[in-house]
């Protein structure tokens, strides 16, 4: 992992992009504060996971689900896996 200041990255983005593939993520700072991280996804699945992990809509949905579970409105583990199994059977 490498760290670089934003003006340096702006002036030579291509160089930094090439380095990411071999050196790993690039942490970009501005005035000493981290403002971004640039990384190369391994494959399309990795890209999808990265994008979903940072999705505000997904985070809102997960927060609502956690609150629902904490309030006692969630499914038991057994009921959840029964529903998953049933859905898979319907898709087959």
N, C-alpha and C. Protein backbone atom coordinates (compact mmCIF):
# COMPACT_ATOMS: atom_id res chain seq x y z
N UNK A 1 0.86 -1.17 0.00
CA UNK A 1 0.00 0.00 0.00
C UNK A 1 0.90 1.23 0.00
N UNK A 2 0.50 2.19 -0.79
CA UNK A 2 1.27 3.42 -0.93
C UNK A 2 0.37 4.60 -0.58
N UNK A 3 0.96 5.65 -0.07
CA UNK A 3 0.24 6.88 0.24
C UNK A 3 0.81 8.01 -0.61
N UNK A 4 -0.08 8.84 -1.14
CA UNK A 4 0.37 9.98 -1.96
C UNK A 4 -0.57 11.15 -1.73
N UNK A 5 -0.03 12.34 -1.87
CA UNK A 5 -0.82 13.56 -1.76
C UNK A 5 -1.63 13.76 -3.04
N UNK A 6 -2.82 14.31 -2.90
CA UNK A 6 -3.72 14.52 -4.03
C UNK A 6 -3.08 15.27 -5.19
N UNK A 7 -2.36 16.35 -4.99
CA UNK A 7 -1.76 17.04 -6.15
C UNK A 7 -0.80 16.13 -6.94
N UNK A 8 -0.06 15.26 -6.24
CA UNK A 8 0.84 14.34 -6.94
C UNK A 8 0.05 13.36 -7.79
N UNK A 9 -1.04 12.84 -7.22
CA UNK A 9 -1.88 11.88 -7.96
C UNK A 9 -2.52 12.57 -9.16
N UNK A 10 -2.99 13.78 -8.97
CA UNK A 10 -3.61 14.52 -10.06
C UNK A 10 -2.64 14.75 -11.21
N UNK A 11 -1.40 15.00 -10.89
CA UNK A 11 -0.44 15.31 -11.94
C UNK A 11 0.07 14.07 -12.68
N UNK A 12 -0.08 12.89 -12.07
CA UNK A 12 0.45 11.68 -12.71
C UNK A 12 -0.43 10.47 -12.42
N UNK A 13 -1.72 10.60 -12.68
CA UNK A 13 -2.69 9.56 -12.37
C UNK A 13 -2.34 8.22 -13.02
N UNK A 14 -1.96 8.25 -14.28
CA UNK A 14 -1.64 7.02 -15.00
C UNK A 14 -0.55 6.21 -14.30
N UNK A 15 0.46 6.88 -13.82
CA UNK A 15 1.55 6.23 -13.09
C UNK A 15 1.03 5.53 -11.85
N UNK A 16 0.20 6.22 -11.09
CA UNK A 16 -0.35 5.63 -9.85
C UNK A 16 -1.28 4.46 -10.16
N UNK A 17 -2.09 4.58 -11.19
CA UNK A 17 -2.99 3.48 -11.57
C UNK A 17 -2.17 2.24 -11.92
N UNK A 18 -1.10 2.41 -12.65
CA UNK A 18 -0.24 1.26 -12.99
C UNK A 18 0.37 0.63 -11.74
N UNK A 19 0.74 1.44 -10.76
CA UNK A 19 1.33 0.93 -9.53
C UNK A 19 0.33 0.14 -8.68
N UNK A 20 -0.92 0.53 -8.72
CA UNK A 20 -1.94 -0.12 -7.90
C UNK A 20 -2.03 -1.61 -8.24
N UNK A 21 -1.90 -1.94 -9.50
CA UNK A 21 -2.01 -3.34 -9.92
C UNK A 21 -0.94 -4.21 -9.28
N UNK A 22 0.24 -3.65 -9.03
CA UNK A 22 1.33 -4.44 -8.46
C UNK A 22 1.59 -4.15 -6.99
N UNK A 23 1.40 -2.91 -6.56
CA UNK A 23 1.74 -2.51 -5.19
C UNK A 23 0.56 -2.51 -4.23
N UNK A 24 -0.64 -2.69 -4.74
CA UNK A 24 -1.81 -2.68 -3.87
C UNK A 24 -2.44 -1.31 -3.80
N UNK A 25 -3.38 -1.13 -2.87
CA UNK A 25 -4.16 0.10 -2.78
C UNK A 25 -3.31 1.35 -2.61
N UNK A 26 -3.87 2.44 -3.08
CA UNK A 26 -3.25 3.76 -2.95
C UNK A 26 -4.13 4.61 -2.04
N UNK A 27 -3.56 5.10 -0.97
CA UNK A 27 -4.26 6.00 -0.06
C UNK A 27 -3.91 7.42 -0.48
N UNK A 28 -4.93 8.20 -0.80
CA UNK A 28 -4.72 9.58 -1.25
C UNK A 28 -5.05 10.52 -0.09
N UNK A 29 -4.11 11.42 0.17
CA UNK A 29 -4.30 12.38 1.24
C UNK A 29 -4.32 13.80 0.69
N UNK A 30 -4.96 14.67 1.44
CA UNK A 30 -4.98 16.09 1.10
C UNK A 30 -4.76 16.85 2.40
N UNK A 31 -3.71 17.61 2.44
CA UNK A 31 -3.34 18.34 3.66
C UNK A 31 -3.20 17.39 4.85
N UNK A 32 -2.66 16.20 4.59
CA UNK A 32 -2.42 15.23 5.66
C UNK A 32 -3.60 14.38 6.06
N UNK A 33 -4.76 14.60 5.47
CA UNK A 33 -5.96 13.82 5.79
C UNK A 33 -6.30 12.88 4.64
N UNK A 34 -6.71 11.67 4.99
CA UNK A 34 -7.10 10.70 3.96
C UNK A 34 -8.40 11.17 3.32
N UNK A 35 -8.40 11.24 1.97
CA UNK A 35 -9.59 11.67 1.24
C UNK A 35 -10.11 10.58 0.29
N UNK A 36 -9.27 9.58 -0.01
CA UNK A 36 -9.71 8.53 -0.93
C UNK A 36 -8.76 7.34 -0.85
N UNK A 37 -9.29 6.22 -1.29
CA UNK A 37 -8.48 5.01 -1.46
C UNK A 37 -8.79 4.49 -2.85
N UNK A 38 -7.76 4.19 -3.60
CA UNK A 38 -7.93 3.65 -4.96
C UNK A 38 -7.35 2.25 -4.95
N UNK A 39 -8.13 1.30 -5.45
CA UNK A 39 -7.63 -0.06 -5.52
C UNK A 39 -8.14 -0.74 -6.77
N UNK A 40 -7.44 -1.78 -7.17
CA UNK A 40 -7.82 -2.53 -8.36
C UNK A 40 -8.61 -3.76 -7.94
N UNK A 41 -9.85 -3.91 -8.38
CA UNK A 41 -10.60 -5.11 -8.03
C UNK A 41 -9.97 -6.33 -8.69
N UNK A 42 -10.09 -7.46 -8.00
CA UNK A 42 -9.51 -8.71 -8.50
C UNK A 42 -10.29 -9.20 -9.71
N UNK A 43 -11.63 -9.08 -9.63
CA UNK A 43 -12.50 -9.54 -10.72
C UNK A 43 -13.84 -8.81 -10.59
N UNK A 44 -14.79 -9.18 -11.43
CA UNK A 44 -16.10 -8.52 -11.41
C UNK A 44 -16.83 -8.73 -10.09
N UNK A 45 -16.70 -9.92 -9.50
CA UNK A 45 -17.35 -10.19 -8.22
C UNK A 45 -16.77 -9.31 -7.12
N UNK A 46 -15.46 -9.15 -7.14
CA UNK A 46 -14.80 -8.29 -6.16
C UNK A 46 -15.27 -6.85 -6.32
N UNK A 47 -15.39 -6.39 -7.55
CA UNK A 47 -15.88 -5.05 -7.82
C UNK A 47 -17.29 -4.88 -7.27
N UNK A 48 -18.15 -5.85 -7.51
CA UNK A 48 -19.53 -5.78 -7.03
C UNK A 48 -19.56 -5.71 -5.50
N UNK A 49 -18.75 -6.54 -4.83
CA UNK A 49 -18.70 -6.51 -3.37
C UNK A 49 -18.22 -5.15 -2.86
N UNK A 50 -17.21 -4.60 -3.50
CA UNK A 50 -16.70 -3.29 -3.09
C UNK A 50 -17.77 -2.21 -3.23
N UNK A 51 -18.46 -2.22 -4.35
CA UNK A 51 -19.49 -1.20 -4.59
C UNK A 51 -20.65 -1.36 -3.62
N UNK A 52 -21.08 -2.59 -3.39
CA UNK A 52 -22.19 -2.82 -2.46
C UNK A 52 -21.82 -2.43 -1.04
N UNK A 53 -20.58 -2.70 -0.66
CA UNK A 53 -20.15 -2.38 0.70
C UNK A 53 -20.22 -0.88 0.97
N UNK A 54 -20.08 -0.08 -0.05
CA UNK A 54 -20.10 1.38 0.10
C UNK A 54 -21.42 2.00 -0.34
N UNK A 55 -22.41 1.19 -0.65
CA UNK A 55 -23.70 1.69 -1.12
C UNK A 55 -24.52 2.28 0.02
N UNK A 56 -24.87 3.57 -0.04
CA UNK A 56 -25.70 4.16 1.01
C UNK A 56 -27.05 3.48 1.12
N UNK A 57 -27.64 3.08 -0.01
CA UNK A 57 -28.93 2.41 0.02
C UNK A 57 -28.84 1.07 0.75
N UNK A 58 -27.79 0.31 0.46
CA UNK A 58 -27.63 -0.98 1.13
C UNK A 58 -27.36 -0.77 2.61
N UNK A 59 -26.54 0.21 2.96
CA UNK A 59 -26.26 0.47 4.37
C UNK A 59 -27.53 0.87 5.13
N UNK A 60 -28.40 1.64 4.49
CA UNK A 60 -29.68 2.02 5.11
C UNK A 60 -30.54 0.79 5.34
N UNK A 61 -30.61 -0.08 4.33
CA UNK A 61 -31.39 -1.31 4.45
C UNK A 61 -30.84 -2.20 5.57
N UNK A 62 -29.52 -2.32 5.64
CA UNK A 62 -28.91 -3.14 6.69
C UNK A 62 -29.18 -2.55 8.08
N UNK A 63 -29.10 -1.23 8.20
CA UNK A 63 -29.39 -0.58 9.48
C UNK A 63 -30.84 -0.83 9.90
N UNK A 64 -31.76 -0.72 8.95
CA UNK A 64 -33.17 -0.98 9.25
C UNK A 64 -33.37 -2.43 9.68
N UNK A 65 -32.69 -3.34 9.01
CA UNK A 65 -32.80 -4.76 9.36
C UNK A 65 -32.24 -5.01 10.75
N UNK A 66 -31.10 -4.42 11.08
CA UNK A 66 -30.52 -4.59 12.42
C UNK A 66 -31.47 -4.06 13.49
N UNK A 67 -32.09 -2.92 13.23
CA UNK A 67 -33.04 -2.35 14.19
C UNK A 67 -34.25 -3.26 14.36
N UNK A 68 -34.72 -3.82 13.27
CA UNK A 68 -35.87 -4.73 13.31
C UNK A 68 -35.53 -5.99 14.12
N UNK A 69 -34.35 -6.52 13.88
CA UNK A 69 -33.91 -7.71 14.62
C UNK A 69 -33.77 -7.38 16.11
N UNK A 70 -33.17 -6.23 16.42
CA UNK A 70 -32.99 -5.83 17.81
C UNK A 70 -34.34 -5.66 18.51
N UNK A 71 -35.36 -5.27 17.76
CA UNK A 71 -36.69 -5.08 18.31
C UNK A 71 -37.48 -6.40 18.39
N UNK A 72 -36.82 -7.49 18.01
CA UNK A 72 -37.47 -8.79 18.11
C UNK A 72 -38.33 -9.17 16.92
N UNK A 73 -38.17 -8.48 15.79
CA UNK A 73 -38.99 -8.75 14.61
C UNK A 73 -38.26 -9.57 13.56
N UNK A 74 -37.12 -10.12 13.89
CA UNK A 74 -36.35 -10.89 12.92
C UNK A 74 -36.78 -12.34 12.88
N UNK A 75 -36.27 -13.06 11.90
CA UNK A 75 -36.52 -14.49 11.78
C UNK A 75 -35.51 -15.25 12.63
N UNK A 76 -35.91 -16.41 13.10
CA UNK A 76 -34.93 -17.26 13.75
C UNK A 76 -34.01 -17.80 12.67
N UNK A 77 -32.85 -18.26 13.08
CA UNK A 77 -31.88 -18.82 12.13
C UNK A 77 -32.52 -19.97 11.34
N UNK A 78 -33.25 -20.82 12.04
CA UNK A 78 -33.90 -21.97 11.39
C UNK A 78 -34.93 -21.53 10.35
N UNK A 79 -35.76 -20.56 10.72
CA UNK A 79 -36.78 -20.07 9.80
C UNK A 79 -36.15 -19.41 8.58
N UNK A 80 -35.07 -18.65 8.81
CA UNK A 80 -34.38 -18.00 7.70
C UNK A 80 -33.89 -19.04 6.69
N UNK A 81 -33.18 -20.08 7.19
CA UNK A 81 -32.60 -21.06 6.27
C UNK A 81 -33.68 -21.91 5.61
N UNK A 82 -34.81 -22.11 6.28
CA UNK A 82 -35.93 -22.80 5.63
C UNK A 82 -36.45 -21.96 4.45
N UNK A 83 -36.55 -20.65 4.66
CA UNK A 83 -37.02 -19.76 3.59
C UNK A 83 -36.03 -19.74 2.43
N UNK A 84 -34.74 -19.72 2.73
CA UNK A 84 -33.72 -19.74 1.67
C UNK A 84 -33.83 -21.04 0.88
N UNK A 85 -33.94 -22.15 1.58
CA UNK A 85 -34.05 -23.45 0.92
C UNK A 85 -35.31 -23.52 0.04
N UNK A 86 -36.39 -23.01 0.56
CA UNK A 86 -37.65 -23.01 -0.20
C UNK A 86 -37.51 -22.14 -1.45
N UNK A 87 -36.90 -21.01 -1.34
CA UNK A 87 -36.72 -20.12 -2.49
C UNK A 87 -35.84 -20.80 -3.55
N UNK A 88 -34.79 -21.45 -3.12
CA UNK A 88 -33.91 -22.16 -4.05
C UNK A 88 -34.65 -23.27 -4.77
N UNK A 89 -35.49 -23.97 -4.05
CA UNK A 89 -36.29 -25.05 -4.66
C UNK A 89 -37.26 -24.50 -5.70
N UNK A 90 -37.83 -23.34 -5.43
CA UNK A 90 -38.76 -22.71 -6.36
C UNK A 90 -38.05 -22.25 -7.63
N UNK A 91 -36.77 -21.85 -7.49
CA UNK A 91 -36.00 -21.37 -8.65
C UNK A 91 -35.54 -22.52 -9.52
N UNK A 92 -35.41 -23.69 -8.95
CA UNK A 92 -34.93 -24.86 -9.73
C UNK A 92 -35.98 -25.45 -10.59
